[in-house]
Amino acid sequence: MTILIVDDSPVMRGFVRRVMRLAGFDQAEYLEAPDGTAGLEQARSAAVDLVLTDINMPGMDGEEFLAALRADEALRSIPAVVISTDATRDRRERMTALGARGYIAKPFSPEALREEIERALGGLS
């Protein structure tokens, strides 16, 4: 499984990668991108099975990134889970409308992240 982590914070990308390993995704390959533009490039150049994205990033933010993923026929089927400090209902609804299959608020536990990813993947991990 190849997992793309899109977040402007290198520290947060490393943290998400560590939590993913603790959540049982220790055999996955991890790709990283600091914004949506780089995330799209990564998704186009590798066979990505899951995207974990932040929302608030410079350049192309998470909303624009999800919209671009869904607009690209080759990428639209990649499940995406949003990881954000913004846990408002309005934001969750907007991201779901853009195609997010999961949403988890920071901070989170490995168990909560695993549950959200399993839900996004349809129970497969």
N, C-alpha and C. Protein backbone atom coordinates (compact mmCIF):
# COMPACT_ATOMS: atom_id res chain seq x y z
N MET A 1 0.84 -1.17 0.00
CA MET A 1 0.00 0.00 0.00
C MET A 1 0.88 1.24 0.00
N THR A 2 0.54 2.20 -0.84
CA THR A 2 1.27 3.47 -0.90
C THR A 2 0.36 4.58 -0.40
N ILE A 3 0.85 5.31 0.61
CA ILE A 3 0.08 6.36 1.26
C ILE A 3 0.77 7.69 1.04
N LEU A 4 0.00 8.66 0.52
CA LEU A 4 0.51 10.01 0.27
C LEU A 4 0.02 10.92 1.39
N ILE A 5 0.97 11.56 2.08
CA ILE A 5 0.65 12.51 3.15
C ILE A 5 0.92 13.92 2.63
N VAL A 6 -0.13 14.73 2.59
CA VAL A 6 -0.02 16.10 2.08
C VAL A 6 -0.26 17.06 3.25
N ASP A 7 0.80 17.74 3.66
CA ASP A 7 0.73 18.67 4.79
C ASP A 7 1.92 19.60 4.67
N ASP A 8 1.71 20.88 4.95
CA ASP A 8 2.80 21.84 4.80
C ASP A 8 3.83 21.75 5.92
N SER A 9 3.51 21.05 7.00
CA SER A 9 4.44 20.93 8.12
C SER A 9 5.22 19.61 8.03
N PRO A 10 6.56 19.69 7.85
CA PRO A 10 7.36 18.46 7.84
C PRO A 10 7.22 17.68 9.15
N VAL A 11 7.08 18.39 10.27
CA VAL A 11 6.93 17.74 11.56
C VAL A 11 5.61 16.96 11.59
N MET A 12 4.53 17.55 11.09
CA MET A 12 3.23 16.87 11.08
C MET A 12 3.26 15.68 10.13
N ARG A 13 3.91 15.81 8.98
CA ARG A 13 4.01 14.67 8.06
C ARG A 13 4.72 13.51 8.74
N GLY A 14 5.80 13.79 9.45
CA GLY A 14 6.52 12.74 10.18
C GLY A 14 5.67 12.14 11.28
N PHE A 15 4.92 12.99 11.98
CA PHE A 15 4.04 12.51 13.05
C PHE A 15 2.96 11.59 12.48
N VAL A 16 2.33 12.00 11.38
CA VAL A 16 1.28 11.18 10.76
C VAL A 16 1.87 9.84 10.32
N ARG A 17 3.05 9.87 9.74
CA ARG A 17 3.71 8.62 9.31
C ARG A 17 3.95 7.70 10.51
N ARG A 18 4.43 8.25 11.63
CA ARG A 18 4.66 7.44 12.83
C ARG A 18 3.35 6.88 13.38
N VAL A 19 2.32 7.71 13.44
CA VAL A 19 1.02 7.25 13.95
C VAL A 19 0.44 6.17 13.03
N MET A 20 0.62 6.34 11.73
CA MET A 20 0.14 5.33 10.78
C MET A 20 0.83 3.99 11.04
N ARG A 21 2.12 4.03 11.30
CA ARG A 21 2.84 2.79 11.60
C ARG A 21 2.31 2.15 12.88
N LEU A 22 2.06 2.98 13.91
CA LEU A 22 1.50 2.47 15.16
C LEU A 22 0.10 1.92 14.96
N ALA A 23 -0.62 2.47 13.98
CA ALA A 23 -1.99 2.04 13.70
C ALA A 23 -2.03 0.76 12.87
N GLY A 24 -0.86 0.22 12.54
CA GLY A 24 -0.83 -1.05 11.81
C GLY A 24 -0.44 -0.93 10.36
N PHE A 25 -0.12 0.25 9.91
CA PHE A 25 0.28 0.45 8.52
C PHE A 25 1.80 0.54 8.42
N ASP A 26 2.49 -0.37 9.10
CA ASP A 26 3.95 -0.33 9.16
C ASP A 26 4.61 -0.86 7.89
N GLN A 27 3.88 -1.58 7.06
CA GLN A 27 4.45 -2.10 5.81
C GLN A 27 4.19 -1.18 4.63
N ALA A 28 3.47 -0.09 4.85
CA ALA A 28 3.13 0.82 3.75
C ALA A 28 4.36 1.61 3.30
N GLU A 29 4.29 2.06 2.05
CA GLU A 29 5.27 3.01 1.53
C GLU A 29 4.65 4.38 1.69
N TYR A 30 5.45 5.34 2.14
CA TYR A 30 4.94 6.69 2.39
C TYR A 30 5.57 7.68 1.44
N LEU A 31 4.72 8.48 0.83
CA LEU A 31 5.15 9.61 0.01
C LEU A 31 4.67 10.86 0.73
N GLU A 32 5.40 11.96 0.54
CA GLU A 32 5.03 13.20 1.22
C GLU A 32 5.03 14.36 0.25
N ALA A 33 4.15 15.34 0.54
CA ALA A 33 4.07 16.56 -0.26
C ALA A 33 3.73 17.73 0.66
N PRO A 34 4.35 18.90 0.43
CA PRO A 34 4.12 20.05 1.30
C PRO A 34 2.88 20.88 0.94
N ASP A 35 2.23 20.58 -0.18
CA ASP A 35 1.02 21.29 -0.58
C ASP A 35 0.29 20.50 -1.65
N GLY A 36 -0.87 21.00 -2.04
CA GLY A 36 -1.69 20.28 -3.01
C GLY A 36 -1.05 20.13 -4.37
N THR A 37 -0.32 21.13 -4.81
CA THR A 37 0.32 21.05 -6.12
C THR A 37 1.32 19.89 -6.16
N ALA A 38 2.18 19.82 -5.14
CA ALA A 38 3.15 18.73 -5.06
C ALA A 38 2.43 17.40 -4.83
N GLY A 39 1.32 17.43 -4.10
CA GLY A 39 0.54 16.22 -3.88
C GLY A 39 -0.01 15.65 -5.18
N LEU A 40 -0.51 16.53 -6.03
CA LEU A 40 -1.01 16.07 -7.34
C LEU A 40 0.12 15.46 -8.17
N GLU A 41 1.29 16.09 -8.15
CA GLU A 41 2.44 15.56 -8.89
C GLU A 41 2.80 14.17 -8.37
N GLN A 42 2.82 14.00 -7.04
CA GLN A 42 3.14 12.70 -6.45
C GLN A 42 2.09 11.66 -6.86
N ALA A 43 0.81 12.04 -6.79
CA ALA A 43 -0.27 11.10 -7.11
C ALA A 43 -0.22 10.69 -8.58
N ARG A 44 0.21 11.60 -9.43
CA ARG A 44 0.29 11.30 -10.87
C ARG A 44 1.50 10.45 -11.21
N SER A 45 2.53 10.49 -10.38
CA SER A 45 3.77 9.78 -10.72
C SER A 45 3.93 8.45 -9.99
N ALA A 46 3.02 8.13 -9.07
CA ALA A 46 3.11 6.88 -8.32
C ALA A 46 1.71 6.28 -8.18
N ALA A 47 1.66 5.00 -7.94
CA ALA A 47 0.38 4.33 -7.71
C ALA A 47 -0.01 4.52 -6.25
N VAL A 48 -0.77 5.56 -5.97
CA VAL A 48 -1.16 5.91 -4.60
C VAL A 48 -2.46 5.21 -4.25
N ASP A 49 -2.50 4.56 -3.07
CA ASP A 49 -3.68 3.84 -2.62
C ASP A 49 -4.54 4.64 -1.65
N LEU A 50 -3.94 5.64 -1.01
CA LEU A 50 -4.64 6.43 -0.01
C LEU A 50 -3.97 7.78 0.12
N VAL A 51 -4.78 8.83 0.25
CA VAL A 51 -4.27 10.18 0.48
C VAL A 51 -4.73 10.64 1.86
N LEU A 52 -3.80 11.19 2.63
CA LEU A 52 -4.10 11.85 3.89
C LEU A 52 -3.71 13.30 3.70
N THR A 53 -4.68 14.21 3.81
CA THR A 53 -4.37 15.61 3.52
C THR A 53 -4.85 16.57 4.60
N ASP A 54 -4.04 17.57 4.81
CA ASP A 54 -4.41 18.70 5.66
C ASP A 54 -5.28 19.62 4.80
N ILE A 55 -5.85 20.65 5.41
CA ILE A 55 -6.63 21.62 4.65
C ILE A 55 -5.85 22.91 4.47
N ASN A 56 -5.40 23.49 5.57
CA ASN A 56 -4.76 24.80 5.52
C ASN A 56 -3.29 24.68 5.16
N MET A 57 -3.02 24.97 3.87
CA MET A 57 -1.64 24.93 3.35
C MET A 57 -1.46 26.09 2.40
N PRO A 58 -0.25 26.60 2.29
CA PRO A 58 0.00 27.67 1.30
C PRO A 58 -0.09 27.10 -0.11
N GLY A 59 -0.26 27.97 -1.07
CA GLY A 59 -0.38 27.52 -2.46
C GLY A 59 -1.72 26.84 -2.63
N MET A 60 -1.72 25.60 -3.11
CA MET A 60 -2.96 24.85 -3.28
C MET A 60 -3.33 24.22 -1.94
N ASP A 61 -4.45 24.67 -1.36
CA ASP A 61 -4.86 24.13 -0.06
C ASP A 61 -5.58 22.80 -0.22
N GLY A 62 -6.01 22.22 0.89
CA GLY A 62 -6.63 20.91 0.87
C GLY A 62 -7.94 20.86 0.09
N GLU A 63 -8.74 21.92 0.15
CA GLU A 63 -9.99 21.95 -0.61
C GLU A 63 -9.70 21.93 -2.11
N GLU A 64 -8.77 22.77 -2.53
CA GLU A 64 -8.41 22.82 -3.96
C GLU A 64 -7.79 21.49 -4.40
N PHE A 65 -6.98 20.91 -3.52
CA PHE A 65 -6.34 19.63 -3.81
C PHE A 65 -7.38 18.53 -4.02
N LEU A 66 -8.34 18.43 -3.10
CA LEU A 66 -9.38 17.41 -3.25
C LEU A 66 -10.20 17.63 -4.53
N ALA A 67 -10.53 18.89 -4.81
CA ALA A 67 -11.28 19.19 -6.03
C ALA A 67 -10.50 18.76 -7.26
N ALA A 68 -9.19 19.01 -7.26
CA ALA A 68 -8.34 18.63 -8.40
C ALA A 68 -8.22 17.12 -8.51
N LEU A 69 -8.11 16.42 -7.38
CA LEU A 69 -8.06 14.95 -7.40
C LEU A 69 -9.33 14.38 -8.03
N ARG A 70 -10.47 14.89 -7.61
CA ARG A 70 -11.75 14.38 -8.12
C ARG A 70 -12.00 14.77 -9.57
N ALA A 71 -11.39 15.85 -10.02
CA ALA A 71 -11.55 16.28 -11.41
C ALA A 71 -10.67 15.49 -12.36
N ASP A 72 -9.66 14.82 -11.84
CA ASP A 72 -8.72 14.06 -12.66
C ASP A 72 -9.20 12.61 -12.76
N GLU A 73 -9.57 12.19 -13.94
CA GLU A 73 -10.13 10.85 -14.12
C GLU A 73 -9.21 9.74 -13.62
N ALA A 74 -7.91 9.93 -13.76
CA ALA A 74 -6.95 8.91 -13.33
C ALA A 74 -6.79 8.86 -11.81
N LEU A 75 -7.16 9.93 -11.11
CA LEU A 75 -6.92 10.02 -9.67
C LEU A 75 -8.19 10.00 -8.83
N ARG A 76 -9.33 10.20 -9.44
CA ARG A 76 -10.57 10.43 -8.67
C ARG A 76 -10.97 9.26 -7.78
N SER A 77 -10.51 8.06 -8.06
CA SER A 77 -10.91 6.91 -7.25
C SER A 77 -10.03 6.70 -6.02
N ILE A 78 -8.96 7.48 -5.87
CA ILE A 78 -8.08 7.34 -4.71
C ILE A 78 -8.81 7.85 -3.47
N PRO A 79 -8.98 7.00 -2.45
CA PRO A 79 -9.64 7.46 -1.23
C PRO A 79 -8.81 8.52 -0.53
N ALA A 80 -9.48 9.56 -0.04
CA ALA A 80 -8.80 10.64 0.67
C ALA A 80 -9.42 10.83 2.04
N VAL A 81 -8.55 10.99 3.03
CA VAL A 81 -8.97 11.28 4.39
C VAL A 81 -8.34 12.61 4.78
N VAL A 82 -9.16 13.51 5.31
CA VAL A 82 -8.70 14.82 5.75
C VAL A 82 -8.26 14.72 7.20
N ILE A 83 -7.10 15.29 7.49
CA ILE A 83 -6.60 15.39 8.86
C ILE A 83 -6.40 16.88 9.13
N SER A 84 -7.21 17.45 10.02
CA SER A 84 -7.18 18.90 10.20
C SER A 84 -7.50 19.30 11.63
N THR A 85 -7.05 20.48 12.01
CA THR A 85 -7.44 21.06 13.30
C THR A 85 -8.84 21.64 13.21
N ASP A 86 -9.34 21.89 12.02
CA ASP A 86 -10.68 22.45 11.81
C ASP A 86 -11.71 21.32 11.83
N ALA A 87 -12.41 21.19 12.94
CA ALA A 87 -13.37 20.11 13.09
C ALA A 87 -14.82 20.61 13.01
N THR A 88 -15.02 21.79 12.44
CA THR A 88 -16.37 22.32 12.36
C THR A 88 -17.23 21.51 11.39
N ARG A 89 -18.52 21.50 11.64
CA ARG A 89 -19.45 20.77 10.79
C ARG A 89 -19.41 21.30 9.35
N ASP A 90 -19.36 22.63 9.22
CA ASP A 90 -19.32 23.24 7.89
C ASP A 90 -18.12 22.74 7.09
N ARG A 91 -16.96 22.71 7.71
CA ARG A 91 -15.74 22.28 7.01
C ARG A 91 -15.83 20.79 6.65
N ARG A 92 -16.29 19.99 7.58
CA ARG A 92 -16.46 18.55 7.32
C ARG A 92 -17.39 18.33 6.13
N GLU A 93 -18.50 19.04 6.13
CA GLU A 93 -19.47 18.89 5.03
C GLU A 93 -18.88 19.32 3.70
N ARG A 94 -18.13 20.43 3.70
CA ARG A 94 -17.50 20.89 2.45
C ARG A 94 -16.49 19.87 1.93
N MET A 95 -15.67 19.33 2.83
CA MET A 95 -14.66 18.37 2.40
C MET A 95 -15.30 17.06 1.93
N THR A 96 -16.37 16.65 2.58
CA THR A 96 -17.08 15.45 2.14
C THR A 96 -17.71 15.68 0.78
N ALA A 97 -18.26 16.87 0.57
CA ALA A 97 -18.85 17.21 -0.73
C ALA A 97 -17.79 17.20 -1.83
N LEU A 98 -16.55 17.51 -1.46
CA LEU A 98 -15.45 17.51 -2.44
C LEU A 98 -14.89 16.10 -2.66
N GLY A 99 -15.38 15.13 -1.90
CA GLY A 99 -14.95 13.76 -2.14
C GLY A 99 -14.15 13.11 -1.05
N ALA A 100 -13.95 13.80 0.09
CA ALA A 100 -13.23 13.15 1.19
C ALA A 100 -14.05 11.98 1.70
N ARG A 101 -13.40 10.85 1.89
CA ARG A 101 -14.10 9.66 2.41
C ARG A 101 -13.98 9.55 3.92
N GLY A 102 -13.12 10.38 4.50
CA GLY A 102 -12.94 10.37 5.95
C GLY A 102 -12.45 11.72 6.41
N TYR A 103 -12.61 11.97 7.71
CA TYR A 103 -12.20 13.25 8.30
C TYR A 103 -11.84 12.99 9.75
N ILE A 104 -10.66 13.38 10.13
CA ILE A 104 -10.24 13.20 11.52
C ILE A 104 -9.62 14.50 12.01
N ALA A 105 -10.00 14.87 13.23
CA ALA A 105 -9.51 16.12 13.81
C ALA A 105 -8.22 15.87 14.57
N LYS A 106 -7.29 16.82 14.44
CA LYS A 106 -6.06 16.80 15.24
C LYS A 106 -6.40 17.35 16.61
N PRO A 107 -5.84 16.83 17.68
CA PRO A 107 -4.99 15.65 17.76
C PRO A 107 -5.84 14.37 17.69
N PHE A 108 -5.19 13.27 17.37
CA PHE A 108 -5.89 12.00 17.21
C PHE A 108 -5.01 10.87 17.71
N SER A 109 -5.65 9.75 18.01
CA SER A 109 -4.93 8.57 18.46
C SER A 109 -4.70 7.63 17.28
N PRO A 110 -3.74 6.72 17.39
CA PRO A 110 -3.56 5.73 16.32
C PRO A 110 -4.83 4.93 16.06
N GLU A 111 -5.56 4.60 17.12
CA GLU A 111 -6.79 3.82 16.97
C GLU A 111 -7.85 4.59 16.19
N ALA A 112 -8.01 5.88 16.53
CA ALA A 112 -9.01 6.70 15.83
C ALA A 112 -8.64 6.86 14.36
N LEU A 113 -7.35 7.04 14.09
CA LEU A 113 -6.90 7.18 12.70
C LEU A 113 -7.15 5.88 11.94
N ARG A 114 -6.82 4.77 12.56
CA ARG A 114 -7.04 3.47 11.90
C ARG A 114 -8.52 3.25 11.58
N GLU A 115 -9.39 3.56 12.53
CA GLU A 115 -10.83 3.41 12.30
C GLU A 115 -11.30 4.26 11.13
N GLU A 116 -10.84 5.49 11.08
CA GLU A 116 -11.27 6.40 10.00
C GLU A 116 -10.74 5.91 8.66
N ILE A 117 -9.52 5.42 8.63
CA ILE A 117 -8.95 4.91 7.37
C ILE A 117 -9.66 3.64 6.94
N GLU A 118 -9.94 2.75 7.87
CA GLU A 118 -10.67 1.53 7.52
C GLU A 118 -12.04 1.86 6.96
N ARG A 119 -12.70 2.86 7.56
CA ARG A 119 -14.00 3.29 7.05
C ARG A 119 -13.85 3.85 5.63
N ALA A 120 -12.82 4.64 5.42
CA ALA A 120 -12.59 5.25 4.10
C ALA A 120 -12.25 4.21 3.05
N LEU A 121 -11.56 3.14 3.46
CA LEU A 121 -11.18 2.08 2.53
C LEU A 121 -12.24 0.99 2.42
N GLY A 122 -13.35 1.17 3.11
CA GLY A 122 -14.41 0.18 3.07
C GLY A 122 -14.10 -1.06 3.88
N GLY A 123 -13.36 -0.88 4.99
CA GLY A 123 -13.05 -2.01 5.86
C GLY A 123 -11.79 -2.75 5.47
N LEU A 124 -11.17 -2.36 4.38
CA LEU A 124 -9.94 -3.04 3.92
C LEU A 124 -8.74 -2.22 4.32
N SER A 125 -7.73 -2.86 4.87
CA SER A 125 -6.49 -2.13 5.18
C SER A 125 -5.31 -3.05 5.06
